[in-house]
């Protein structure tokens, strides 16, 4: 199908009257959409809570472990009694 044929087919489809939607479909779509929004909102809240908990856990670990401090050298014995 070349371009003019496709354009003609699209024009025929667009010139047709729109099909009617069953009235009970609207309620179902609204219900499903609300459920999707609630799930998305809950997932985002859970994600933010987990990110906050991970941040707090990192800060607590960093404060107790102090990874930026160099550990004392254990390869040579201490020089005592000179």
C-alpha atoms as a PDB file:
ATOM      1  CA  UNK A   1       0.000   0.000   0.000  1.00  0.00           C
ATOM      2  CA  UNK A   2       1.569   3.255  -1.107  1.00  0.00           C
ATOM      3  CA  UNK A   3       1.191   6.643   0.503  1.00  0.00           C
ATOM      4  CA  UNK A   4      -1.864   7.963  -1.428  1.00  0.00           C
ATOM      5  CA  UNK A   5      -3.745   4.727  -0.716  1.00  0.00           C
ATOM      6  CA  UNK A   6      -2.922   4.968   2.981  1.00  0.00           C
ATOM      7  CA  UNK A   7      -4.035   8.601   3.092  1.00  0.00           C
ATOM      8  CA  UNK A   8      -7.282   7.686   1.345  1.00  0.00           C
ATOM      9  CA  UNK A   9      -7.872   4.835   3.801  1.00  0.00           C
ATOM     10  CA  UNK A  10      -7.272   7.167   6.739  1.00  0.00           C
ATOM     11  CA  UNK A  11      -9.667   9.747   5.281  1.00  0.00           C
ATOM     12  CA  UNK A  12     -12.358   7.081   4.861  1.00  0.00           C
ATOM     13  CA  UNK A  13     -11.924   5.960   8.451  1.00  0.00           C
ATOM     14  CA  UNK A  14     -12.018   9.536   9.754  1.00  0.00           C
ATOM     15  CA  UNK A  15     -15.115  10.394   7.690  1.00  0.00           C
ATOM     16  CA  UNK A  16     -17.109   7.597   9.274  1.00  0.00           C
ATOM     17  CA  UNK A  17     -19.311   8.386  12.248  1.00  0.00           C
ATOM     18  CA  UNK A  18     -17.646   7.546  15.571  1.00  0.00           C
ATOM     19  CA  UNK A  19     -18.829   4.308  17.083  1.00  0.00           C
ATOM     20  CA  UNK A  20     -20.906   4.512  20.229  1.00  0.00           C
ATOM     21  CA  UNK A  21     -19.505   3.407  23.564  1.00  0.00           C
ATOM     22  CA  UNK A  22     -21.651   1.243  25.825  1.00  0.00           C
ATOM     23  CA  UNK A  23     -22.825   3.225  28.880  1.00  0.00           C
ATOM     24  CA  UNK A  24     -21.720   0.578  31.393  1.00  0.00           C
ATOM     25  CA  UNK A  25     -18.171   0.835  30.044  1.00  0.00           C
ATOM     26  CA  UNK A  26     -17.730   4.311  31.534  1.00  0.00           C
ATOM     27  CA  UNK A  27     -18.224   3.114  35.119  1.00  0.00           C
ATOM     28  CA  UNK A  28     -15.790   0.246  34.629  1.00  0.00           C
ATOM     29  CA  UNK A  29     -13.145   2.532  33.143  1.00  0.00           C
ATOM     30  CA  UNK A  30     -13.521   5.060  35.972  1.00  0.00           C
ATOM     31  CA  UNK A  31     -13.215   2.284  38.569  1.00  0.00           C
ATOM     32  CA  UNK A  32     -10.111   0.806  36.947  1.00  0.00           C
ATOM     33  CA  UNK A  33      -8.527   4.220  36.466  1.00  0.00           C
ATOM     34  CA  UNK A  34      -9.065   5.086  40.119  1.00  0.00           C
ATOM     35  CA  UNK A  35      -7.518   1.786  41.150  1.00  0.00           C
ATOM     36  CA  UNK A  36      -4.514   2.410  38.907  1.00  0.00           C
ATOM     37  CA  UNK A  37      -4.007   5.867  40.381  1.00  0.00           C
ATOM     38  CA  UNK A  38      -4.227   4.527  43.939  1.00  0.00           C
ATOM     39  CA  UNK A  39      -1.707   1.781  43.156  1.00  0.00           C
ATOM     40  CA  UNK A  40       0.672   4.228  41.485  1.00  0.00           C
ATOM     41  CA  UNK A  41       0.398   6.623  44.427  1.00  0.00           C
ATOM     42  CA  UNK A  42       1.023   3.780  46.905  1.00  0.00           C
ATOM     43  CA  UNK A  43       4.028   2.580  44.895  1.00  0.00           C
ATOM     44  CA  UNK A  44       5.505   6.078  44.823  1.00  0.00           C
ATOM     45  CA  UNK A  45       4.989   6.505  48.571  1.00  0.00           C
ATOM     46  CA  UNK A  46       6.628   3.126  49.191  1.00  0.00           C
ATOM     47  CA  UNK A  47       9.552   4.087  46.957  1.00  0.00           C
ATOM     48  CA  UNK A  48      10.084   7.379  48.802  1.00  0.00           C
ATOM     49  CA  UNK A  49       9.814   5.635  52.174  1.00  0.00           C
ATOM     50  CA  UNK A  50      12.406   3.026  51.140  1.00  0.00           C
ATOM     51  CA  UNK A  51      14.743   5.735  49.839  1.00  0.00           C
ATOM     52  CA  UNK A  52      14.378   7.644  53.116  1.00  0.00           C
ATOM     53  CA  UNK A  53      14.984   4.467  55.157  1.00  0.00           C
ATOM     54  CA  UNK A  54      18.078   3.664  53.077  1.00  0.00           C
ATOM     55  CA  UNK A  55      19.384   7.192  53.634  1.00  0.00           C
ATOM     56  CA  UNK A  56      18.848   6.953  57.376  1.00  0.00           C
ATOM     57  CA  UNK A  57      20.491   3.523  57.476  1.00  0.00           C
ATOM     58  CA  UNK A  58      23.495   4.880  55.572  1.00  0.00           C
ATOM     59  CA  UNK A  59      23.863   7.853  57.900  1.00  0.00           C
ATOM     60  CA  UNK A  60      23.652   5.625  60.990  1.00  0.00           C
ATOM     61  CA  UNK A  61      26.188   3.194  59.507  1.00  0.00           C
ATOM     62  CA  UNK A  62      28.541   6.016  58.531  1.00  0.00           C
ATOM     63  CA  UNK A  63      28.297   7.574  61.993  1.00  0.00           C
ATOM     64  CA  UNK A  64      29.100   4.299  63.760  1.00  0.00           C
ATOM     65  CA  UNK A  65      31.633   2.723  61.357  1.00  0.00           C
ATOM     66  CA  UNK A  66      33.360   5.993  60.384  1.00  0.00           C
ATOM     67  CA  UNK A  67      34.657   4.626  57.041  1.00  0.00           C
ATOM     68  CA  UNK A  68      36.568   7.836  56.301  1.00  0.00           C
ATOM     69  CA  UNK A  69      39.002   7.212  59.201  1.00  0.00           C
ATOM     70  CA  UNK A  70      42.108   5.243  58.293  1.00  0.00           C
ATOM     71  CA  UNK A  71      42.413   2.101  60.408  1.00  0.00           C
ATOM     72  CA  UNK A  72      45.511   1.785  62.587  1.00  0.00           C
ATOM     73  CA  UNK A  73      48.412  -0.052  61.044  1.00  0.00           C
ATOM     74  CA  UNK A  74      48.793  -3.609  62.248  1.00  0.00           C
ATOM     75  CA  UNK A  75      51.800  -4.635  60.148  1.00  0.00           C
ATOM     76  CA  UNK A  76      54.547  -3.330  62.461  1.00  0.00           C
ATOM     77  CA  UNK A  77      54.688  -3.780  66.198  1.00  0.00           C
ATOM     78  CA  UNK A  78      54.358  -0.696  68.346  1.00  0.00           C
ATOM     79  CA  UNK A  79      57.622   0.919  69.433  1.00  0.00           C
ATOM     80  CA  UNK A  80      57.506   0.715  73.209  1.00  0.00           C
ATOM     81  CA  UNK A  81      60.335   0.552  75.757  1.00  0.00           C
ATOM     82  CA  UNK A  82      63.016   2.476  73.844  1.00  0.00           C
END
